[in-house]
Amino acid sequence: MSTDERWIDENGDPIDEDHRGLVYDIRTLVDRRRALGIFGGIAATALLAACAPQTTGSEASEAPQGAPGGAPPAEDDSDLLEGEVPNETAGPYPADGSNGVNVLDDSGIVRSDIRSSFGSSQTTAAGVSLEIVLTVRDAATGSALAGAGVYLWHCDRDGNYSLYSDAAKDENYLRGVQQTDEDGTVRFTSIYPACYSGRWPHIHFEVYEDVDTAVATGPIVKTSQIALPEEANAKVYATSGYEQSVRNASQVTLTGDNVFGDDGGIHQIATMTGSVSGGYTAALTIAV
C-alpha cells in the first residue's frame, strides 16, 4: 500500500507515525472513531436481530384462533343421502336435557296443540294461528316413517323461548311431541313465531325412533329446522303484536342466515297456505 506523500521526507522515505505531528494524530483519531461507529452500529443491528423472536412462515400467516363472534362449527352433512334434510343446530333453547332444562320427561308434553303451557301454568301464547304439518320419510327408501317421535318447538310472538327467556321462564308453551301416523305425518297447532334479531323465522324439530325414545331423552335420529317463507312472514308481521318482527325481518335474508344460508334452505322451506284472518298451514316433507 502506498504512503500519502504528506508523510514522506525529502529523501523519499516514509516518516515514522510517532513524528508526523498533531494534524496526523487528530485525523487518525477521527477516522478510528468513525470506523468504530460504523462497526458498532453493524454489531448492534446483528445483536438485535439475533435476540428478536423468530417467526416461521406458517406462524406468520396464521390468523388468531378463538376470536369472539366466530361462527359455531358447521354441522357435518358429509354423509347425507340425496334429498335428506340437513342436520342443523338445536340452538340454545331446546329443553331436551342437552342444555339444562328437560321438558321431554314432563307429563303432558305429548300433545298436538302446543299453544298453551301445561302443568302449573295454563298461559296461552298469543299470535296468528299456525298449523304445522311435518311428514317424515326414510331417506334411503323413500317410504313413510310411521310411528316415529317428533319433538317440535319455537319462540313466541315476542321472540321468547319458554323455559329460558326471562319473560317466559315459567312457561312451557310452544313445545310438544307427536307420533307420526301411517303416512309419516305429524300435526301441531301453534302460533306464528316471531322474527328475532339475527335469524330468519324458523321452527326447530328433533326426530326420534318413537315417542317412548323421545320422552326418555334417547338417541336423536335427526335435528333440523323449518324455514318460514318470506311472503307469509311479511303478512303476519304487519299485524298487531308482531311490530318488532318487522324491523328484525328487514335486517335478515334467507341466504344470509347462519343456518339456511349455505343452500338457501332448499330442503327446509315450508309450503304455506291460508291467511292472517283464517290462520296459516306450514307443510314440509323431510327425509331423514
C-alpha atoms as a PDB file:
ATOM      1  CA  MET A   1       0.000   0.000   0.000  1.00  0.00           C
ATOM      2  CA  SER A   2       1.466   3.455  -0.964  1.00  0.00           C
ATOM      3  CA  THR A   3       2.079   6.132   1.669  1.00  0.00           C
ATOM      4  CA  ASP A   4       0.461   9.585   1.475  1.00  0.00           C
ATOM      5  CA  GLU A   5       3.131  11.988   0.082  1.00  0.00           C
ATOM      6  CA  ARG A   6       2.498  14.292   3.029  1.00  0.00           C
ATOM      7  CA  TRP A   7       4.229  11.750   5.255  1.00  0.00           C
ATOM      8  CA  ILE A   8       7.399  11.267   3.115  1.00  0.00           C
ATOM      9  CA  ASP A   9      10.643  13.110   3.931  1.00  0.00           C
ATOM     10  CA  GLU A  10      12.990  14.883   1.477  1.00  0.00           C
ATOM     11  CA  ASN A  11      14.876  11.635   0.863  1.00  0.00           C
ATOM     12  CA  GLY A  12      11.673   9.831  -0.190  1.00  0.00           C
ATOM     13  CA  ASP A  13      11.458   7.746   2.958  1.00  0.00           C
ATOM     14  CA  PRO A  14       8.184   7.387   4.994  1.00  0.00           C
ATOM     15  CA  ILE A  15       8.059   9.477   8.169  1.00  0.00           C
ATOM     16  CA  ASP A  16       7.507   7.384  11.287  1.00  0.00           C
ATOM     17  CA  GLU A  17       3.937   7.762  12.720  1.00  0.00           C
ATOM     18  CA  ASP A  18       5.337   8.989  16.039  1.00  0.00           C
ATOM     19  CA  HIS A  19       6.866  12.005  14.265  1.00  0.00           C
ATOM     20  CA  ARG A  20       4.053  13.034  11.859  1.00  0.00           C
ATOM     21  CA  GLY A  21       2.712  15.731  14.177  1.00  0.00           C
ATOM     22  CA  LEU A  22      -0.570  16.898  15.680  1.00  0.00           C
ATOM     23  CA  VAL A  23      -2.568  17.054  12.430  1.00  0.00           C
ATOM     24  CA  TYR A  24      -1.864  13.386  11.705  1.00  0.00           C
ATOM     25  CA  ASP A  25      -2.786  12.362  15.249  1.00  0.00           C
ATOM     26  CA  ILE A  26      -6.124  14.208  15.133  1.00  0.00           C
ATOM     27  CA  ARG A  27      -7.090  12.809  11.711  1.00  0.00           C
ATOM     28  CA  THR A  28      -6.187   9.295  12.792  1.00  0.00           C
ATOM     29  CA  LEU A  29      -8.303   9.614  15.942  1.00  0.00           C
ATOM     30  CA  VAL A  30     -11.312  10.863  13.973  1.00  0.00           C
ATOM     31  CA  ASP A  31     -11.011   8.080  11.394  1.00  0.00           C
ATOM     32  CA  ARG A  32     -10.828   5.445  14.107  1.00  0.00           C
ATOM     33  CA  ARG A  33     -13.926   6.804  15.877  1.00  0.00           C
ATOM     34  CA  ARG A  34     -15.846   6.784  12.599  1.00  0.00           C
ATOM     35  CA  ALA A  35     -14.834   3.200  11.989  1.00  0.00           C
ATOM     36  CA  LEU A  36     -15.844   2.213  15.488  1.00  0.00           C
ATOM     37  CA  GLY A  37     -19.215   3.905  14.999  1.00  0.00           C
ATOM     38  CA  ILE A  38     -19.869   2.079  11.750  1.00  0.00           C
ATOM     39  CA  PHE A  39     -18.806  -1.315  13.032  1.00  0.00           C
ATOM     40  CA  GLY A  40     -20.582  -0.699  16.339  1.00  0.00           C
ATOM     41  CA  GLY A  41     -23.833   0.009  14.508  1.00  0.00           C
ATOM     42  CA  ILE A  42     -23.468  -3.131  12.435  1.00  0.00           C
ATOM     43  CA  ALA A  43     -22.724  -5.177  15.532  1.00  0.00           C
ATOM     44  CA  ALA A  44     -25.703  -3.722  17.404  1.00  0.00           C
ATOM     45  CA  THR A  45     -28.024  -4.468  14.498  1.00  0.00           C
ATOM     46  CA  ALA A  46     -26.772  -8.031  14.327  1.00  0.00           C
ATOM     47  CA  LEU A  47     -27.213  -8.420  18.075  1.00  0.00           C
ATOM     48  CA  LEU A  48     -30.788  -7.126  17.981  1.00  0.00           C
ATOM     49  CA  ALA A  49     -31.600  -9.428  15.101  1.00  0.00           C
ATOM     50  CA  ALA A  50     -30.192 -12.375  16.982  1.00  0.00           C
ATOM     51  CA  CYS A  51     -32.246 -11.548  20.090  1.00  0.00           C
ATOM     52  CA  ALA A  52     -35.525 -10.913  18.261  1.00  0.00           C
ATOM     53  CA  PRO A  53     -38.240 -13.656  18.467  1.00  0.00           C
ATOM     54  CA  GLN A  54     -38.115 -15.932  15.460  1.00  0.00           C
ATOM     55  CA  THR A  55     -41.372 -16.452  13.496  1.00  0.00           C
ATOM     56  CA  THR A  56     -41.781 -19.194  10.951  1.00  0.00           C
ATOM     57  CA  GLY A  57     -43.664 -18.662   7.721  1.00  0.00           C
ATOM     58  CA  SER A  58     -46.640 -20.737   8.880  1.00  0.00           C
ATOM     59  CA  GLU A  59     -46.876 -18.875  12.182  1.00  0.00           C
ATOM     60  CA  ALA A  60     -46.764 -15.530  10.434  1.00  0.00           C
ATOM     61  CA  SER A  61     -49.638 -16.459   8.144  1.00  0.00           C
ATOM     62  CA  GLU A  62     -51.942 -17.967  10.773  1.00  0.00           C
ATOM     63  CA  ALA A  63     -54.948 -15.943  11.922  1.00  0.00           C
ATOM     64  CA  PRO A  64     -55.650 -15.705  15.673  1.00  0.00           C
ATOM     65  CA  GLN A  65     -57.699 -18.640  16.890  1.00  0.00           C
ATOM     66  CA  GLY A  66     -60.818 -18.479  19.033  1.00  0.00           C
ATOM     67  CA  ALA A  67     -61.710 -14.882  18.243  1.00  0.00           C
ATOM     68  CA  PRO A  68     -65.015 -13.674  19.718  1.00  0.00           C
ATOM     69  CA  GLY A  69     -68.007 -13.721  17.404  1.00  0.00           C
ATOM     70  CA  GLY A  70     -66.830 -16.657  15.339  1.00  0.00           C
ATOM     71  CA  ALA A  71     -69.498 -18.851  13.791  1.00  0.00           C
ATOM     72  CA  PRO A  72     -70.138 -22.138  15.513  1.00  0.00           C
ATOM     73  CA  PRO A  73     -68.763 -25.266  13.876  1.00  0.00           C
ATOM     74  CA  ALA A  74     -70.891 -26.332  10.936  1.00  0.00           C
ATOM     75  CA  GLU A  75     -72.991 -29.459  11.310  1.00  0.00           C
ATOM     76  CA  ASP A  76     -71.499 -32.454   9.481  1.00  0.00           C
ATOM     77  CA  ASP A  77     -73.597 -33.160   6.380  1.00  0.00           C
ATOM     78  CA  SER A  78     -70.902 -35.110   4.537  1.00  0.00           C
ATOM     79  CA  ASP A  79     -72.840 -38.391   4.715  1.00  0.00           C
ATOM     80  CA  LEU A  80     -76.308 -37.071   3.809  1.00  0.00           C
ATOM     81  CA  LEU A  81     -78.293 -39.067   1.282  1.00  0.00           C
ATOM     82  CA  GLU A  82     -79.801 -37.396  -1.778  1.00  0.00           C
ATOM     83  CA  GLY A  83     -82.691 -35.189  -0.670  1.00  0.00           C
ATOM     84  CA  GLU A  84     -82.058 -35.714   3.037  1.00  0.00           C
ATOM     85  CA  VAL A  85     -82.827 -32.715   5.224  1.00  0.00           C
ATOM     86  CA  PRO A  86     -79.611 -31.134   6.550  1.00  0.00           C
ATOM     87  CA  ASN A  87     -78.522 -31.557  10.144  1.00  0.00           C
ATOM     88  CA  GLU A  88     -78.896 -28.255  11.972  1.00  0.00           C
ATOM     89  CA  THR A  89     -78.179 -26.937  15.427  1.00  0.00           C
ATOM     90  CA  ALA A  90     -80.860 -27.291  18.099  1.00  0.00           C
ATOM     91  CA  GLY A  91     -79.916 -23.810  19.234  1.00  0.00           C
ATOM     92  CA  PRO A  92     -79.502 -22.721  22.852  1.00  0.00           C
ATOM     93  CA  TYR A  93     -83.124 -23.353  23.942  1.00  0.00           C
ATOM     94  CA  PRO A  94     -84.001 -26.986  23.143  1.00  0.00           C
ATOM     95  CA  ALA A  95     -85.233 -28.051  26.615  1.00  0.00           C
ATOM     96  CA  ASP A  96     -84.327 -31.624  25.692  1.00  0.00           C
ATOM     97  CA  GLY A  97     -81.860 -32.075  28.537  1.00  0.00           C
ATOM     98  CA  SER A  98     -78.834 -31.097  26.463  1.00  0.00           C
ATOM     99  CA  ASN A  99     -78.806 -27.537  27.822  1.00  0.00           C
ATOM    100  CA  GLY A 100     -80.032 -27.805  31.392  1.00  0.00           C
ATOM    101  CA  VAL A 101     -83.822 -27.869  31.114  1.00  0.00           C
ATOM    102  CA  ASN A 102     -85.626 -31.067  30.080  1.00  0.00           C
ATOM    103  CA  VAL A 103     -89.322 -30.839  29.215  1.00  0.00           C
ATOM    104  CA  LEU A 104     -89.428 -34.169  27.401  1.00  0.00           C
ATOM    105  CA  ASP A 105     -89.935 -36.210  30.557  1.00  0.00           C
ATOM    106  CA  ASP A 106     -92.779 -33.979  31.781  1.00  0.00           C
ATOM    107  CA  SER A 107     -96.264 -35.437  31.788  1.00  0.00           C
ATOM    108  CA  GLY A 108     -98.279 -33.565  29.173  1.00  0.00           C
ATOM    109  CA  ILE A 109     -95.517 -33.000  26.612  1.00  0.00           C
ATOM    110  CA  VAL A 110     -97.092 -35.485  24.176  1.00  0.00           C
ATOM    111  CA  ARG A 111     -99.757 -33.299  22.549  1.00  0.00           C
ATOM    112  CA  SER A 112    -100.769 -31.779  19.231  1.00  0.00           C
ATOM    113  CA  ASP A 113    -101.959 -28.354  20.433  1.00  0.00           C
ATOM    114  CA  ILE A 114     -98.871 -26.613  21.784  1.00  0.00           C
ATOM    115  CA  ARG A 115    -100.248 -23.086  22.168  1.00  0.00           C
ATOM    116  CA  SER A 116    -100.716 -23.303  25.947  1.00  0.00           C
ATOM    117  CA  SER A 117     -98.439 -24.179  28.822  1.00  0.00           C
ATOM    118  CA  PHE A 118     -99.241 -27.315  30.799  1.00  0.00           C
ATOM    119  CA  GLY A 119     -98.697 -28.197  34.433  1.00  0.00           C
ATOM    120  CA  SER A 120     -98.509 -25.282  36.864  1.00  0.00           C
ATOM    121  CA  SER A 121     -99.272 -22.665  34.175  1.00  0.00           C
ATOM    122  CA  GLN A 122    -102.094 -22.548  31.665  1.00  0.00           C
ATOM    123  CA  THR A 123    -100.913 -19.460  29.773  1.00  0.00           C
ATOM    124  CA  THR A 124    -101.729 -19.452  26.060  1.00  0.00           C
ATOM    125  CA  ALA A 125     -99.280 -17.864  23.641  1.00  0.00           C
ATOM    126  CA  ALA A 126    -100.872 -15.109  21.551  1.00  0.00           C
ATOM    127  CA  GLY A 127    -100.368 -14.803  17.812  1.00  0.00           C
ATOM    128  CA  VAL A 128    -101.618 -15.643  14.346  1.00  0.00           C
ATOM    129  CA  SER A 129    -102.762 -19.262  14.177  1.00  0.00           C
ATOM    130  CA  LEU A 130    -100.339 -21.700  12.540  1.00  0.00           C
ATOM    131  CA  GLU A 131    -100.852 -25.388  11.786  1.00  0.00           C
ATOM    132  CA  ILE A 132     -97.545 -27.210  11.300  1.00  0.00           C
ATOM    133  CA  VAL A 133     -97.685 -30.382   9.198  1.00  0.00           C
ATOM    134  CA  LEU A 134     -94.442 -32.343   9.031  1.00  0.00           C
ATOM    135  CA  THR A 135     -94.142 -35.555   7.015  1.00  0.00           C
ATOM    136  CA  VAL A 136     -91.131 -37.757   7.721  1.00  0.00           C
ATOM    137  CA  ARG A 137     -89.707 -40.210   5.200  1.00  0.00           C
ATOM    138  CA  ASP A 138     -86.794 -42.623   5.149  1.00  0.00           C
ATOM    139  CA  ALA A 139     -84.042 -41.038   3.050  1.00  0.00           C
ATOM    140  CA  ALA A 140     -82.710 -44.449   1.997  1.00  0.00           C
ATOM    141  CA  THR A 141     -86.003 -45.954   0.798  1.00  0.00           C
ATOM    142  CA  GLY A 142     -88.368 -43.000   0.396  1.00  0.00           C
ATOM    143  CA  SER A 143     -91.017 -44.765   2.463  1.00  0.00           C
ATOM    144  CA  ALA A 144     -93.012 -43.061   5.214  1.00  0.00           C
ATOM    145  CA  LEU A 145     -91.617 -43.338   8.740  1.00  0.00           C
ATOM    146  CA  ALA A 146     -94.699 -44.390  10.673  1.00  0.00           C
ATOM    147  CA  GLY A 147     -94.500 -44.401  14.464  1.00  0.00           C
ATOM    148  CA  ALA A 148     -91.561 -42.002  14.722  1.00  0.00           C
ATOM    149  CA  GLY A 149     -91.462 -39.448  17.526  1.00  0.00           C
ATOM    150  CA  VAL A 150     -91.192 -35.754  16.622  1.00  0.00           C
ATOM    151  CA  TYR A 151     -90.370 -33.075  19.180  1.00  0.00           C
ATOM    152  CA  LEU A 152     -91.089 -29.556  17.905  1.00  0.00           C
ATOM    153  CA  TRP A 153     -90.549 -26.118  19.466  1.00  0.00           C
ATOM    154  CA  HIS A 154     -90.221 -22.449  18.531  1.00  0.00           C
ATOM    155  CA  CYS A 155     -90.278 -18.934  20.000  1.00  0.00           C
ATOM    156  CA  ASP A 156     -93.423 -16.927  20.754  1.00  0.00           C
ATOM    157  CA  ARG A 157     -94.733 -13.723  19.151  1.00  0.00           C
ATOM    158  CA  ASP A 158     -92.222 -11.646  21.100  1.00  0.00           C
ATOM    159  CA  GLY A 159     -89.231 -13.828  20.262  1.00  0.00           C
ATOM    160  CA  ASN A 160     -89.130 -15.511  23.686  1.00  0.00           C
ATOM    161  CA  TYR A 161     -88.462 -19.206  24.210  1.00  0.00           C
ATOM    162  CA  SER A 162     -90.415 -20.833  27.013  1.00  0.00           C
ATOM    163  CA  LEU A 163     -88.378 -22.208  29.934  1.00  0.00           C
ATOM    164  CA  TYR A 164     -85.415 -19.979  29.010  1.00  0.00           C
ATOM    165  CA  SER A 165     -86.269 -16.345  28.231  1.00  0.00           C
ATOM    166  CA  ASP A 166     -86.924 -14.173  31.287  1.00  0.00           C
ATOM    167  CA  ALA A 167     -90.403 -13.239  30.067  1.00  0.00           C
ATOM    168  CA  ALA A 168     -91.361 -16.897  29.528  1.00  0.00           C
ATOM    169  CA  LYS A 169     -89.201 -18.778  32.012  1.00  0.00           C
ATOM    170  CA  ASP A 170     -92.218 -20.092  33.922  1.00  0.00           C
ATOM    171  CA  GLU A 171     -93.966 -21.254  30.745  1.00  0.00           C
ATOM    172  CA  ASN A 172     -93.570 -24.390  28.641  1.00  0.00           C
ATOM    173  CA  TYR A 173     -95.824 -23.432  25.749  1.00  0.00           C
ATOM    174  CA  LEU A 174     -94.898 -23.897  22.075  1.00  0.00           C
ATOM    175  CA  ARG A 175     -93.279 -27.271  22.754  1.00  0.00           C
ATOM    176  CA  GLY A 176     -94.707 -30.703  22.082  1.00  0.00           C
ATOM    177  CA  VAL A 177     -94.138 -34.285  20.980  1.00  0.00           C
ATOM    178  CA  GLN A 178     -96.225 -36.238  18.475  1.00  0.00           C
ATOM    179  CA  GLN A 179     -96.107 -39.667  16.856  1.00  0.00           C
ATOM    180  CA  THR A 180     -96.120 -39.881  13.063  1.00  0.00           C
ATOM    181  CA  ASP A 181     -99.127 -41.641  11.556  1.00  0.00           C
ATOM    182  CA  GLU A 182     -99.058 -44.342   8.878  1.00  0.00           C
ATOM    183  CA  ASP A 183     -98.179 -41.668   6.312  1.00  0.00           C
ATOM    184  CA  GLY A 184     -95.276 -40.441   8.432  1.00  0.00           C
ATOM    185  CA  THR A 185     -97.112 -37.217   9.276  1.00  0.00           C
ATOM    186  CA  VAL A 186     -97.493 -35.214  12.484  1.00  0.00           C
ATOM    187  CA  ARG A 187     -99.627 -32.104  13.030  1.00  0.00           C
ATOM    188  CA  PHE A 188     -99.114 -29.378  15.596  1.00  0.00           C
ATOM    189  CA  THR A 189    -101.472 -26.489  16.302  1.00  0.00           C
ATOM    190  CA  SER A 190     -99.442 -23.430  17.238  1.00  0.00           C
ATOM    191  CA  ILE A 191     -98.941 -19.722  16.579  1.00  0.00           C
ATOM    192  CA  TYR A 192     -96.720 -17.961  14.069  1.00  0.00           C
ATOM    193  CA  PRO A 193     -93.285 -17.365  15.625  1.00  0.00           C
ATOM    194  CA  ALA A 194     -91.537 -14.006  15.675  1.00  0.00           C
ATOM    195  CA  CYS A 195     -88.511 -12.980  13.699  1.00  0.00           C
ATOM    196  CA  TYR A 196     -85.939 -12.157  16.324  1.00  0.00           C
ATOM    197  CA  SER A 197     -82.676 -10.328  15.744  1.00  0.00           C
ATOM    198  CA  GLY A 198     -80.115 -12.136  13.604  1.00  0.00           C
ATOM    199  CA  ARG A 199     -82.178 -15.143  12.486  1.00  0.00           C
ATOM    200  CA  TRP A 200     -84.587 -15.972   9.696  1.00  0.00           C
ATOM    201  CA  PRO A 201     -88.026 -17.037  11.060  1.00  0.00           C
ATOM    202  CA  HIS A 202     -87.839 -20.735  11.850  1.00  0.00           C
ATOM    203  CA  ILE A 203     -89.126 -23.738  13.790  1.00  0.00           C
ATOM    204  CA  HIS A 204     -86.946 -26.377  15.471  1.00  0.00           C
ATOM    205  CA  PHE A 205     -87.571 -30.111  15.489  1.00  0.00           C
ATOM    206  CA  GLU A 206     -85.973 -33.391  16.503  1.00  0.00           C
ATOM    207  CA  VAL A 207     -86.917 -36.802  15.125  1.00  0.00           C
ATOM    208  CA  TYR A 208     -86.684 -39.895  17.332  1.00  0.00           C
ATOM    209  CA  GLU A 209     -87.243 -43.566  16.590  1.00  0.00           C
ATOM    210  CA  ASP A 210     -90.522 -43.389  18.516  1.00  0.00           C
ATOM    211  CA  VAL A 211     -92.307 -41.354  21.176  1.00  0.00           C
ATOM    212  CA  ASP A 212     -91.018 -43.532  24.014  1.00  0.00           C
ATOM    213  CA  THR A 213     -87.457 -42.762  22.960  1.00  0.00           C
ATOM    214  CA  ALA A 214     -88.254 -39.056  22.744  1.00  0.00           C
ATOM    215  CA  VAL A 215     -89.739 -38.737  26.237  1.00  0.00           C
ATOM    216  CA  ALA A 216     -86.878 -40.823  27.633  1.00  0.00           C
ATOM    217  CA  THR A 217     -84.415 -38.378  26.025  1.00  0.00           C
ATOM    218  CA  GLY A 218     -82.980 -41.207  23.957  1.00  0.00           C
ATOM    219  CA  PRO A 219     -80.903 -41.081  20.766  1.00  0.00           C
ATOM    220  CA  ILE A 220     -81.935 -38.441  18.222  1.00  0.00           C
ATOM    221  CA  VAL A 221     -82.304 -39.523  14.596  1.00  0.00           C
ATOM    222  CA  LYS A 222     -82.328 -36.002  13.153  1.00  0.00           C
ATOM    223  CA  THR A 223     -82.133 -32.418  14.420  1.00  0.00           C
ATOM    224  CA  SER A 224     -83.078 -29.711  11.950  1.00  0.00           C
ATOM    225  CA  GLN A 225     -85.171 -26.588  11.348  1.00  0.00           C
ATOM    226  CA  ILE A 226     -88.089 -25.417   9.217  1.00  0.00           C
ATOM    227  CA  ALA A 227     -87.750 -22.098   7.363  1.00  0.00           C
ATOM    228  CA  LEU A 228     -90.880 -19.973   7.014  1.00  0.00           C
ATOM    229  CA  PRO A 229     -91.446 -18.299   3.607  1.00  0.00           C
ATOM    230  CA  GLU A 230     -90.930 -14.572   3.177  1.00  0.00           C
ATOM    231  CA  GLU A 231     -94.360 -13.714   1.742  1.00  0.00           C
ATOM    232  CA  ALA A 232     -96.258 -15.173   4.697  1.00  0.00           C
ATOM    233  CA  ASN A 233     -93.774 -13.631   7.129  1.00  0.00           C
ATOM    234  CA  ALA A 234     -94.447 -10.161   5.741  1.00  0.00           C
ATOM    235  CA  LYS A 235     -98.222 -10.539   6.032  1.00  0.00           C
ATOM    236  CA  VAL A 236     -98.133 -11.885   9.576  1.00  0.00           C
ATOM    237  CA  TYR A 237     -95.606  -9.338  10.810  1.00  0.00           C
ATOM    238  CA  ALA A 238     -97.784  -6.498   9.542  1.00  0.00           C
ATOM    239  CA  THR A 239    -100.389  -7.417  12.185  1.00  0.00           C
ATOM    240  CA  SER A 240    -100.655  -6.147  15.741  1.00  0.00           C
ATOM    241  CA  GLY A 241     -98.273  -7.759  18.219  1.00  0.00           C
ATOM    242  CA  TYR A 242     -95.521  -8.525  15.717  1.00  0.00           C
ATOM    243  CA  GLU A 243     -94.137  -4.986  15.441  1.00  0.00           C
ATOM    244  CA  GLN A 244     -90.569  -5.858  16.417  1.00  0.00           C
ATOM    245  CA  SER A 245     -90.504  -8.632  13.818  1.00  0.00           C
ATOM    246  CA  VAL A 246     -90.960  -6.071  11.039  1.00  0.00           C
ATOM    247  CA  ARG A 247     -87.667  -4.402  11.924  1.00  0.00           C
ATOM    248  CA  ASN A 248     -85.823  -7.672  12.555  1.00  0.00           C
ATOM    249  CA  ALA A 249     -87.049  -9.270   9.324  1.00  0.00           C
ATOM    250  CA  SER A 250     -85.826  -6.286   7.315  1.00  0.00           C
ATOM    251  CA  GLN A 251     -82.289  -6.968   8.549  1.00  0.00           C
ATOM    252  CA  VAL A 252     -82.004 -10.659   7.605  1.00  0.00           C
ATOM    253  CA  THR A 253     -82.134 -12.727   4.433  1.00  0.00           C
ATOM    254  CA  LEU A 254     -82.626 -16.427   3.880  1.00  0.00           C
ATOM    255  CA  THR A 255     -79.331 -16.731   2.006  1.00  0.00           C
ATOM    256  CA  GLY A 256     -77.511 -14.759   4.697  1.00  0.00           C
ATOM    257  CA  ASP A 257     -78.906 -16.782   7.593  1.00  0.00           C
ATOM    258  CA  ASN A 258     -76.327 -18.753   9.585  1.00  0.00           C
ATOM    259  CA  VAL A 259     -78.437 -21.927   9.338  1.00  0.00           C
ATOM    260  CA  PHE A 260     -80.238 -21.813   5.988  1.00  0.00           C
ATOM    261  CA  GLY A 261     -77.714 -19.676   4.124  1.00  0.00           C
ATOM    262  CA  ASP A 262     -75.442 -22.436   2.841  1.00  0.00           C
ATOM    263  CA  ASP A 263     -78.091 -23.825   0.471  1.00  0.00           C
ATOM    264  CA  GLY A 264     -80.925 -21.310   0.778  1.00  0.00           C
ATOM    265  CA  GLY A 265     -82.937 -23.790   2.847  1.00  0.00           C
ATOM    266  CA  ILE A 266     -83.838 -25.787  -0.250  1.00  0.00           C
ATOM    267  CA  HIS A 267     -84.988 -28.808   1.792  1.00  0.00           C
ATOM    268  CA  GLN A 268     -86.385 -26.786   4.694  1.00  0.00           C
ATOM    269  CA  ILE A 269     -88.719 -24.090   3.337  1.00  0.00           C
ATOM    270  CA  ALA A 270     -92.301 -24.839   4.287  1.00  0.00           C
ATOM    271  CA  THR A 271     -95.142 -24.638   1.785  1.00  0.00           C
ATOM    272  CA  MET A 272     -97.584 -22.096   3.190  1.00  0.00           C
ATOM    273  CA  THR A 273    -101.336 -21.873   2.671  1.00  0.00           C
ATOM    274  CA  GLY A 274    -104.017 -19.824   4.410  1.00  0.00           C
ATOM    275  CA  SER A 275    -104.335 -16.239   5.577  1.00  0.00           C
ATOM    276  CA  VAL A 276    -103.827 -13.995   8.572  1.00  0.00           C
ATOM    277  CA  SER A 277    -107.521 -13.997   9.428  1.00  0.00           C
ATOM    278  CA  GLY A 278    -108.107 -17.712   8.917  1.00  0.00           C
ATOM    279  CA  GLY A 279    -104.704 -18.938  10.047  1.00  0.00           C
ATOM    280  CA  TYR A 280    -101.848 -20.484   8.108  1.00  0.00           C
ATOM    281  CA  THR A 281    -100.699 -24.040   7.477  1.00  0.00           C
ATOM    282  CA  ALA A 282     -96.982 -24.694   7.056  1.00  0.00           C
ATOM    283  CA  ALA A 283     -96.305 -28.066   5.417  1.00  0.00           C
ATOM    284  CA  LEU A 284     -92.953 -29.736   4.846  1.00  0.00           C
ATOM    285  CA  THR A 285     -91.878 -33.235   3.855  1.00  0.00           C
ATOM    286  CA  ILE A 286     -88.438 -34.223   5.082  1.00  0.00           C
ATOM    287  CA  ALA A 287     -86.193 -37.226   4.535  1.00  0.00           C
ATOM    288  CA  VAL A 288     -84.084 -38.426   7.452  1.00  0.00           C
END
